[in-house]
Amino acid sequence: MSNTLNIPTMEEMAAKGQEPEILFWVGCAGSFDDRYKRVTVAFIKILNAVGVNFAVLGPEETCTGDPARRAGNEFLFQMQAVSNIEVLNAYKIKKIVTACPHCFNTIKNEYPALGGNYEVIHHSQFLQQLIDSGKIKVKDGGEFKGKKITFHDSCYLGRANDIYEAPRKVLEKLDADLVEMKNCKKNGLCCGAGGAQMFKDAEKGSKEINIKRTEEALSTGAKIIASGCPFCMTMLSDGVKNKERENEVKVLDLAELIATANGL
């Protein structure tokens, strides 16, 4: 496969009178965070490889407003949301895929009240669909065969939207040894970043939540902590660095694992 990524924008597609099968909502982290940009690239490589007809909004995409609402600035949230909905509706968008559970939850569950009604899918679900349809194949589990992997449930993916099986089905395809943390699925522990906590100093306590969660992940003996959320990835990566284990334990997104296993 060539190293050139094919990333059409909605503006380019509309100019040709074309409509994509899906809109890939990149999100702030996927656009600006150096670490999470690699997840965006991995996911786009997968979309290109399997021939998914997609587009991005590019410079027309702005923050969904999730951090503003969680921090209590309802006015700013509604300004951001209405602006995005106007753009999405102008392009007659029907189906949105995003790698961020915060974007996923906000567009899926909070935009309808403001006139934004779309089918919204998290990239873990979309990857599972591509696997189930046979479009994604991992030859003999790829390089992760038999490796211990633990999956961290994002709050907005798990408890908020009841999505637990899709990411695990994706990991099963790697033929790895999936080991669960003590607190997982409905009892999963927050990474410590949600509710706009990502952007403020920690409150007083005996231990930061991301350190506690990282300790749980490390206690499984896993060499890979799999994640499906940019917030979680940052907090867990910081936790692994805090424990000085970054040389032996990697925090990777589901898209990165599938892309790597497929040699993309």
C-alpha atoms as a PDB file:
ATOM      1  CA  MET A   1       0.000   0.000   0.000  1.00  0.00           C
ATOM      2  CA  SER A   2       1.256   3.501  -0.774  1.00  0.00           C
ATOM      3  CA  ASN A   3       2.057   5.916   2.013  1.00  0.00           C
ATOM      4  CA  THR A   4      -0.276   8.498   0.489  1.00  0.00           C
ATOM      5  CA  LEU A   5      -3.466   8.786   2.492  1.00  0.00           C
ATOM      6  CA  ASN A   6      -6.691   9.476   0.649  1.00  0.00           C
ATOM      7  CA  ILE A   7      -8.664  11.907   2.831  1.00  0.00           C
ATOM      8  CA  PRO A   8     -11.480  13.605   0.913  1.00  0.00           C
ATOM      9  CA  THR A   9     -13.333  16.500   2.530  1.00  0.00           C
ATOM     10  CA  MET A  10     -17.090  16.989   2.450  1.00  0.00           C
ATOM     11  CA  GLU A  11     -16.559  20.246   0.569  1.00  0.00           C
ATOM     12  CA  GLU A  12     -14.640  18.417  -2.190  1.00  0.00           C
ATOM     13  CA  MET A  13     -17.259  15.653  -2.371  1.00  0.00           C
ATOM     14  CA  ALA A  14     -20.180  18.086  -2.459  1.00  0.00           C
ATOM     15  CA  ALA A  15     -18.488  20.016  -5.286  1.00  0.00           C
ATOM     16  CA  LYS A  16     -18.504  16.793  -7.329  1.00  0.00           C
ATOM     17  CA  GLY A  17     -22.088  15.999  -6.373  1.00  0.00           C
ATOM     18  CA  GLN A  18     -20.966  12.956  -4.381  1.00  0.00           C
ATOM     19  CA  GLU A  19     -22.030  11.672  -0.980  1.00  0.00           C
ATOM     20  CA  PRO A  20     -19.839   9.565   1.320  1.00  0.00           C
ATOM     21  CA  GLU A  21     -21.022   6.373   2.996  1.00  0.00           C
ATOM     22  CA  ILE A  22     -19.785   7.779   6.292  1.00  0.00           C
ATOM     23  CA  LEU A  23     -18.473  11.027   7.719  1.00  0.00           C
ATOM     24  CA  PHE A  24     -15.371  10.433   9.837  1.00  0.00           C
ATOM     25  CA  TRP A  25     -15.565  12.890  12.730  1.00  0.00           C
ATOM     26  CA  VAL A  26     -11.904  13.354  13.684  1.00  0.00           C
ATOM     27  CA  GLY A  27     -12.363  15.331  16.904  1.00  0.00           C
ATOM     28  CA  CYS A  28     -10.018  17.783  18.650  1.00  0.00           C
ATOM     29  CA  ALA A  29      -7.582  15.138  19.905  1.00  0.00           C
ATOM     30  CA  GLY A  30      -7.450  13.340  16.566  1.00  0.00           C
ATOM     31  CA  SER A  31      -6.709  16.654  14.858  1.00  0.00           C
ATOM     32  CA  PHE A  32      -4.317  18.385  17.256  1.00  0.00           C
ATOM     33  CA  ASP A  33      -2.882  15.972  19.836  1.00  0.00           C
ATOM     34  CA  ASP A  34       0.402  14.588  18.479  1.00  0.00           C
ATOM     35  CA  ARG A  35      -0.140  11.157  20.023  1.00  0.00           C
ATOM     36  CA  TYR A  36      -3.746  10.787  18.906  1.00  0.00           C
ATOM     37  CA  LYS A  37      -2.995  11.970  15.366  1.00  0.00           C
ATOM     38  CA  ARG A  38      -1.362   8.549  14.956  1.00  0.00           C
ATOM     39  CA  VAL A  39      -4.725   6.928  15.764  1.00  0.00           C
ATOM     40  CA  THR A  40      -6.408   9.094  13.114  1.00  0.00           C
ATOM     41  CA  VAL A  41      -3.809   8.010  10.554  1.00  0.00           C
ATOM     42  CA  ALA A  42      -4.176   4.328  11.535  1.00  0.00           C
ATOM     43  CA  PHE A  43      -7.966   4.464  11.169  1.00  0.00           C
ATOM     44  CA  ILE A  44      -7.773   6.246   7.805  1.00  0.00           C
ATOM     45  CA  LYS A  45      -5.259   3.651   6.565  1.00  0.00           C
ATOM     46  CA  ILE A  46      -7.826   0.971   7.436  1.00  0.00           C
ATOM     47  CA  LEU A  47     -10.640   2.873   5.678  1.00  0.00           C
ATOM     48  CA  ASN A  48      -8.432   3.305   2.588  1.00  0.00           C
ATOM     49  CA  ALA A  49      -7.335  -0.344   2.610  1.00  0.00           C
ATOM     50  CA  VAL A  50     -10.867  -1.768   2.713  1.00  0.00           C
ATOM     51  CA  GLY A  51     -12.296   0.804   0.306  1.00  0.00           C
ATOM     52  CA  VAL A  52     -14.732   2.610   2.601  1.00  0.00           C
ATOM     53  CA  ASN A  53     -16.250   5.668   0.931  1.00  0.00           C
ATOM     54  CA  PHE A  54     -15.744   8.338   3.594  1.00  0.00           C
ATOM     55  CA  ALA A  55     -15.073  12.050   4.013  1.00  0.00           C
ATOM     56  CA  VAL A  56     -14.018  14.450   6.771  1.00  0.00           C
ATOM     57  CA  LEU A  57     -15.175  17.994   7.443  1.00  0.00           C
ATOM     58  CA  GLY A  58     -11.589  19.256   7.653  1.00  0.00           C
ATOM     59  CA  PRO A  59     -11.445  22.952   8.633  1.00  0.00           C
ATOM     60  CA  GLU A  60     -15.258  23.012   8.880  1.00  0.00           C
ATOM     61  CA  GLU A  61     -15.144  20.685  11.921  1.00  0.00           C
ATOM     62  CA  THR A  62     -15.022  22.304  15.356  1.00  0.00           C
ATOM     63  CA  CYS A  63     -15.220  20.968  18.927  1.00  0.00           C
ATOM     64  CA  THR A  64     -18.521  19.221  19.704  1.00  0.00           C
ATOM     65  CA  GLY A  65     -18.847  21.287  22.889  1.00  0.00           C
ATOM     66  CA  ASP A  66     -18.535  18.300  25.234  1.00  0.00           C
ATOM     67  CA  PRO A  67     -15.807  19.824  27.477  1.00  0.00           C
ATOM     68  CA  ALA A  68     -17.724  23.114  27.694  1.00  0.00           C
ATOM     69  CA  ARG A  69     -20.940  21.399  28.820  1.00  0.00           C
ATOM     70  CA  ARG A  70     -19.136  19.142  31.331  1.00  0.00           C
ATOM     71  CA  ALA A  71     -17.365  22.194  32.767  1.00  0.00           C
ATOM     72  CA  GLY A  72     -20.720  23.953  33.178  1.00  0.00           C
ATOM     73  CA  ASN A  73     -20.611  26.409  30.267  1.00  0.00           C
ATOM     74  CA  GLU A  74     -23.955  25.537  28.687  1.00  0.00           C
ATOM     75  CA  PHE A  75     -24.000  28.690  26.554  1.00  0.00           C
ATOM     76  CA  LEU A  76     -20.687  27.806  24.870  1.00  0.00           C
ATOM     77  CA  PHE A  77     -21.822  24.186  24.378  1.00  0.00           C
ATOM     78  CA  GLN A  78     -24.979  25.263  22.568  1.00  0.00           C
ATOM     79  CA  MET A  79     -23.053  27.727  20.388  1.00  0.00           C
ATOM     80  CA  GLN A  80     -20.585  25.014  19.339  1.00  0.00           C
ATOM     81  CA  ALA A  81     -23.258  22.348  18.895  1.00  0.00           C
ATOM     82  CA  VAL A  82     -25.618  24.483  16.800  1.00  0.00           C
ATOM     83  CA  SER A  83     -22.717  25.584  14.575  1.00  0.00           C
ATOM     84  CA  ASN A  84     -21.720  21.953  13.938  1.00  0.00           C
ATOM     85  CA  ILE A  85     -25.314  20.849  13.359  1.00  0.00           C
ATOM     86  CA  GLU A  86     -25.798  23.577  10.742  1.00  0.00           C
ATOM     87  CA  VAL A  87     -22.738  22.300   8.844  1.00  0.00           C
ATOM     88  CA  LEU A  88     -23.743  18.626   9.160  1.00  0.00           C
ATOM     89  CA  ASN A  89     -27.323  19.275   8.075  1.00  0.00           C
ATOM     90  CA  ALA A  90     -26.197  21.445   5.155  1.00  0.00           C
ATOM     91  CA  TYR A  91     -24.261  18.427   3.845  1.00  0.00           C
ATOM     92  CA  LYS A  92     -27.220  16.111   4.621  1.00  0.00           C
ATOM     93  CA  ILE A  93     -24.992  13.872   6.760  1.00  0.00           C
ATOM     94  CA  LYS A  94     -26.688  10.659   7.861  1.00  0.00           C
ATOM     95  CA  LYS A  95     -23.938   8.433   9.278  1.00  0.00           C
ATOM     96  CA  ILE A  96     -20.999   9.533  11.451  1.00  0.00           C
ATOM     97  CA  VAL A  97     -18.059   7.444  12.725  1.00  0.00           C
ATOM     98  CA  THR A  98     -15.706   8.815  15.392  1.00  0.00           C
ATOM     99  CA  ALA A  99     -12.782   7.441  17.383  1.00  0.00           C
ATOM    100  CA  CYS A 100     -13.633   9.619  20.404  1.00  0.00           C
ATOM    101  CA  PRO A 101     -16.301   8.381  22.871  1.00  0.00           C
ATOM    102  CA  HIS A 102     -16.870  11.972  24.041  1.00  0.00           C
ATOM    103  CA  CYS A 103     -17.683  13.126  20.494  1.00  0.00           C
ATOM    104  CA  PHE A 104     -19.683   9.921  19.996  1.00  0.00           C
ATOM    105  CA  ASN A 105     -21.828  10.454  23.104  1.00  0.00           C
ATOM    106  CA  THR A 106     -22.404  14.165  22.468  1.00  0.00           C
ATOM    107  CA  ILE A 107     -23.380  13.872  18.798  1.00  0.00           C
ATOM    108  CA  LYS A 108     -25.434  10.699  19.353  1.00  0.00           C
ATOM    109  CA  ASN A 109     -27.286  11.617  22.546  1.00  0.00           C
ATOM    110  CA  GLU A 110     -27.189  15.412  22.908  1.00  0.00           C
ATOM    111  CA  TYR A 111     -27.336  16.826  19.366  1.00  0.00           C
ATOM    112  CA  PRO A 112     -30.856  15.478  18.605  1.00  0.00           C
ATOM    113  CA  ALA A 113     -32.361  17.963  21.099  1.00  0.00           C
ATOM    114  CA  LEU A 114     -30.812  20.765  19.030  1.00  0.00           C
ATOM    115  CA  GLY A 115     -31.890  19.407  15.637  1.00  0.00           C
ATOM    116  CA  GLY A 116     -28.965  17.121  14.829  1.00  0.00           C
ATOM    117  CA  ASN A 117     -30.191  13.577  14.135  1.00  0.00           C
ATOM    118  CA  TYR A 118     -27.621  11.128  12.796  1.00  0.00           C
ATOM    119  CA  GLU A 119     -26.608   7.498  13.010  1.00  0.00           C
ATOM    120  CA  VAL A 120     -23.476   7.719  15.152  1.00  0.00           C
ATOM    121  CA  ILE A 121     -21.010   4.833  15.463  1.00  0.00           C
ATOM    122  CA  HIS A 122     -17.847   4.538  17.539  1.00  0.00           C
ATOM    123  CA  HIS A 123     -14.825   3.298  15.605  1.00  0.00           C
ATOM    124  CA  SER A 124     -14.724   0.106  17.729  1.00  0.00           C
ATOM    125  CA  GLN A 125     -18.200  -0.772  16.428  1.00  0.00           C
ATOM    126  CA  PHE A 126     -17.238   0.143  12.867  1.00  0.00           C
ATOM    127  CA  LEU A 127     -14.083  -1.981  13.052  1.00  0.00           C
ATOM    128  CA  GLN A 128     -16.173  -4.879  14.362  1.00  0.00           C
ATOM    129  CA  GLN A 129     -18.573  -4.445  11.413  1.00  0.00           C
ATOM    130  CA  LEU A 130     -15.641  -4.512   8.966  1.00  0.00           C
ATOM    131  CA  ILE A 131     -14.327  -7.678  10.650  1.00  0.00           C
ATOM    132  CA  ASP A 132     -17.768  -9.367  10.675  1.00  0.00           C
ATOM    133  CA  SER A 133     -18.275  -8.575   6.975  1.00  0.00           C
ATOM    134  CA  GLY A 134     -14.889 -10.079   6.143  1.00  0.00           C
ATOM    135  CA  LYS A 135     -13.411  -6.805   4.904  1.00  0.00           C
ATOM    136  CA  ILE A 136     -10.764  -6.839   7.639  1.00  0.00           C
ATOM    137  CA  LYS A 137      -8.764 -10.021   7.960  1.00  0.00           C
ATOM    138  CA  VAL A 138      -5.845 -10.524  10.334  1.00  0.00           C
ATOM    139  CA  LYS A 139      -3.600 -13.329   9.145  1.00  0.00           C
ATOM    140  CA  ASP A 140      -2.940 -15.707  12.047  1.00  0.00           C
ATOM    141  CA  GLY A 141      -3.462 -12.930  14.582  1.00  0.00           C
ATOM    142  CA  GLY A 142      -0.564 -10.892  13.254  1.00  0.00           C
ATOM    143  CA  GLU A 143       2.262  -9.812  15.537  1.00  0.00           C
ATOM    144  CA  PHE A 144       0.012  -9.693  18.606  1.00  0.00           C
ATOM    145  CA  LYS A 145      -0.773 -13.429  18.603  1.00  0.00           C
ATOM    146  CA  GLY A 146      -0.611 -14.755  22.157  1.00  0.00           C
ATOM    147  CA  LYS A 147       0.400 -11.406  23.664  1.00  0.00           C
ATOM    148  CA  LYS A 148      -1.311 -10.311  26.872  1.00  0.00           C
ATOM    149  CA  ILE A 149      -3.619  -7.366  26.186  1.00  0.00           C
ATOM    150  CA  THR A 150      -5.993  -5.695  28.632  1.00  0.00           C
ATOM    151  CA  PHE A 151      -8.785  -3.363  27.504  1.00  0.00           C
ATOM    152  CA  HIS A 152      -9.730  -0.216  29.407  1.00  0.00           C
ATOM    153  CA  ASP A 153     -13.441   0.659  29.123  1.00  0.00           C
ATOM    154  CA  SER A 154     -14.007   4.347  28.434  1.00  0.00           C
ATOM    155  CA  CYS A 155     -16.823   5.713  30.624  1.00  0.00           C
ATOM    156  CA  TYR A 156     -18.624   7.282  27.663  1.00  0.00           C
ATOM    157  CA  LEU A 157     -18.356   4.124  25.611  1.00  0.00           C
ATOM    158  CA  GLY A 158     -19.145   1.666  28.389  1.00  0.00           C
ATOM    159  CA  ARG A 159     -21.419   2.844  31.168  1.00  0.00           C
ATOM    160  CA  ALA A 160     -22.886   5.777  29.214  1.00  0.00           C
ATOM    161  CA  ASN A 161     -23.665   3.832  26.019  1.00  0.00           C
ATOM    162  CA  ASP A 162     -23.421   0.147  26.987  1.00  0.00           C
ATOM    163  CA  ILE A 163     -20.773  -0.706  24.385  1.00  0.00           C
ATOM    164  CA  TYR A 164     -18.575  -3.423  25.838  1.00  0.00           C
ATOM    165  CA  GLU A 165     -18.442  -6.258  23.316  1.00  0.00           C
ATOM    166  CA  ALA A 166     -17.402  -4.429  20.123  1.00  0.00           C
ATOM    167  CA  PRO A 167     -13.895  -3.466  21.292  1.00  0.00           C
ATOM    168  CA  ARG A 168     -13.326  -6.922  22.750  1.00  0.00           C
ATOM    169  CA  LYS A 169     -14.481  -8.586  19.516  1.00  0.00           C
ATOM    170  CA  VAL A 170     -11.924  -6.455  17.655  1.00  0.00           C
ATOM    171  CA  LEU A 171      -9.176  -7.555  20.059  1.00  0.00           C
ATOM    172  CA  GLU A 172     -10.223 -11.210  19.715  1.00  0.00           C
ATOM    173  CA  LYS A 173      -9.371 -10.940  16.023  1.00  0.00           C
ATOM    174  CA  LEU A 174      -5.732 -10.388  17.017  1.00  0.00           C
ATOM    175  CA  ASP A 175      -5.665 -13.870  18.589  1.00  0.00           C
ATOM    176  CA  ALA A 176      -4.113 -12.258  21.663  1.00  0.00           C
ATOM    177  CA  ASP A 177      -4.517 -13.254  25.305  1.00  0.00           C
ATOM    178  CA  LEU A 178      -7.200 -10.804  26.490  1.00  0.00           C
ATOM    179  CA  VAL A 179      -6.940 -10.367  30.269  1.00  0.00           C
ATOM    180  CA  GLU A 180      -9.549  -8.334  32.136  1.00  0.00           C
ATOM    181  CA  MET A 181      -8.789  -5.868  34.907  1.00  0.00           C
ATOM    182  CA  LYS A 182     -10.417  -6.279  38.310  1.00  0.00           C
ATOM    183  CA  ASN A 183     -12.760  -3.379  37.504  1.00  0.00           C
ATOM    184  CA  CYS A 184     -14.047  -3.807  33.956  1.00  0.00           C
ATOM    185  CA  LYS A 185     -17.165  -3.399  31.845  1.00  0.00           C
ATOM    186  CA  LYS A 186     -20.022  -2.031  34.011  1.00  0.00           C
ATOM    187  CA  ASN A 187     -17.673  -1.827  36.989  1.00  0.00           C
ATOM    188  CA  GLY A 188     -14.936  -0.144  34.970  1.00  0.00           C
ATOM    189  CA  LEU A 189     -12.877   2.577  36.605  1.00  0.00           C
ATOM    190  CA  CYS A 190     -12.650   6.059  35.096  1.00  0.00           C
ATOM    191  CA  CYS A 191      -9.249   7.116  33.734  1.00  0.00           C
ATOM    192  CA  GLY A 192      -9.668  10.422  35.553  1.00  0.00           C
ATOM    193  CA  ALA A 193     -10.101  12.724  32.531  1.00  0.00           C
ATOM    194  CA  GLY A 194     -13.863  12.775  31.906  1.00  0.00           C
ATOM    195  CA  GLY A 195     -16.244  15.529  32.958  1.00  0.00           C
ATOM    196  CA  ALA A 196     -13.683  18.145  31.832  1.00  0.00           C
ATOM    197  CA  GLN A 197     -11.303  16.906  34.566  1.00  0.00           C
ATOM    198  CA  MET A 198      -8.713  16.583  31.785  1.00  0.00           C
ATOM    199  CA  PHE A 199      -8.319  20.349  31.763  1.00  0.00           C
ATOM    200  CA  LYS A 200      -8.028  21.124  35.483  1.00  0.00           C
ATOM    201  CA  ASP A 201      -5.695  20.355  38.338  1.00  0.00           C
ATOM    202  CA  ALA A 202      -6.398  17.270  40.422  1.00  0.00           C
ATOM    203  CA  GLU A 203      -8.314  17.717  43.647  1.00  0.00           C
ATOM    204  CA  LYS A 204      -6.836  16.717  46.990  1.00  0.00           C
ATOM    205  CA  GLY A 205      -6.660  13.013  47.717  1.00  0.00           C
ATOM    206  CA  SER A 206      -4.286  10.179  48.443  1.00  0.00           C
ATOM    207  CA  LYS A 207      -3.792   9.027  44.838  1.00  0.00           C
ATOM    208  CA  GLU A 208      -4.671  10.287  41.362  1.00  0.00           C
ATOM    209  CA  ILE A 209      -7.288   8.117  39.659  1.00  0.00           C
ATOM    210  CA  ASN A 210      -5.209   7.500  36.527  1.00  0.00           C
ATOM    211  CA  ILE A 211      -2.410   6.061  38.697  1.00  0.00           C
ATOM    212  CA  LYS A 212      -4.867   3.723  40.422  1.00  0.00           C
ATOM    213  CA  ARG A 213      -6.268   2.616  37.063  1.00  0.00           C
ATOM    214  CA  THR A 214      -2.794   2.111  35.602  1.00  0.00           C
ATOM    215  CA  GLU A 215      -1.829  -0.024  38.600  1.00  0.00           C
ATOM    216  CA  GLU A 216      -4.864  -2.221  37.887  1.00  0.00           C
ATOM    217  CA  ALA A 217      -3.834  -2.556  34.240  1.00  0.00           C
ATOM    218  CA  LEU A 218      -0.220  -3.390  35.105  1.00  0.00           C
ATOM    219  CA  SER A 219      -1.295  -5.980  37.685  1.00  0.00           C
ATOM    220  CA  THR A 220      -2.827  -8.084  34.868  1.00  0.00           C
ATOM    221  CA  GLY A 221       0.650  -8.639  33.446  1.00  0.00           C
ATOM    222  CA  ALA A 222      -0.459  -7.230  30.089  1.00  0.00           C
ATOM    223  CA  LYS A 223       2.196  -5.751  27.816  1.00  0.00           C
ATOM    224  CA  ILE A 224      -0.403  -3.772  25.881  1.00  0.00           C
ATOM    225  CA  ILE A 225      -3.149  -1.603  27.374  1.00  0.00           C
ATOM    226  CA  ALA A 226      -5.767  -1.196  24.646  1.00  0.00           C
ATOM    227  CA  SER A 227      -7.933   1.895  24.567  1.00  0.00           C
ATOM    228  CA  GLY A 228     -10.644   3.426  22.407  1.00  0.00           C
ATOM    229  CA  CYS A 229     -10.553   7.008  23.691  1.00  0.00           C
ATOM    230  CA  PRO A 230      -8.056   9.894  23.411  1.00  0.00           C
ATOM    231  CA  PHE A 231      -8.682  11.024  27.002  1.00  0.00           C
ATOM    232  CA  CYS A 232      -8.093   7.520  28.340  1.00  0.00           C
ATOM    233  CA  MET A 233      -4.982   7.094  26.198  1.00  0.00           C
ATOM    234  CA  THR A 234      -3.422  10.263  27.626  1.00  0.00           C
ATOM    235  CA  MET A 235      -4.218   9.383  31.247  1.00  0.00           C
ATOM    236  CA  LEU A 236      -3.062   5.769  30.977  1.00  0.00           C
ATOM    237  CA  SER A 237       0.101   6.751  29.099  1.00  0.00           C
ATOM    238  CA  ASP A 238       0.883   9.242  31.863  1.00  0.00           C
ATOM    239  CA  GLY A 239       0.230   6.503  34.425  1.00  0.00           C
ATOM    240  CA  VAL A 240       2.591   4.072  32.703  1.00  0.00           C
ATOM    241  CA  LYS A 241       5.285   6.783  32.566  1.00  0.00           C
ATOM    242  CA  ASN A 242       4.699   7.516  36.255  1.00  0.00           C
ATOM    243  CA  LYS A 243       5.476   3.855  36.977  1.00  0.00           C
ATOM    244  CA  GLU A 244       8.504   4.027  34.623  1.00  0.00           C
ATOM    245  CA  ARG A 245       7.191   1.114  32.582  1.00  0.00           C
ATOM    246  CA  GLU A 246       6.832   2.830  29.188  1.00  0.00           C
ATOM    247  CA  ASN A 247       9.632   0.765  27.641  1.00  0.00           C
ATOM    248  CA  GLU A 248       7.827  -2.530  28.280  1.00  0.00           C
ATOM    249  CA  VAL A 249       4.107  -1.620  28.374  1.00  0.00           C
ATOM    250  CA  LYS A 250       2.453   0.166  25.442  1.00  0.00           C
ATOM    251  CA  VAL A 251      -0.871   2.031  25.409  1.00  0.00           C
ATOM    252  CA  LEU A 252      -2.414   1.557  21.952  1.00  0.00           C
ATOM    253  CA  ASP A 253      -5.735   2.338  20.318  1.00  0.00           C
ATOM    254  CA  LEU A 254      -7.823  -0.403  18.705  1.00  0.00           C
ATOM    255  CA  ALA A 255      -7.263   1.141  15.262  1.00  0.00           C
ATOM    256  CA  GLU A 256      -3.483   1.084  15.763  1.00  0.00           C
ATOM    257  CA  LEU A 257      -3.582  -2.581  16.761  1.00  0.00           C
ATOM    258  CA  ILE A 258      -5.658  -3.606  13.712  1.00  0.00           C
ATOM    259  CA  ALA A 259      -3.628  -1.436  11.326  1.00  0.00           C
ATOM    260  CA  THR A 260      -0.332  -2.833  12.638  1.00  0.00           C
ATOM    261  CA  ALA A 261      -1.604  -6.411  12.523  1.00  0.00           C
ATOM    262  CA  ASN A 262      -2.506  -5.863   8.875  1.00  0.00           C
ATOM    263  CA  GLY A 263       0.857  -4.320   8.024  1.00  0.00           C
ATOM    264  CA  LEU A 264      -0.661  -0.913   7.249  1.00  0.00           C
END
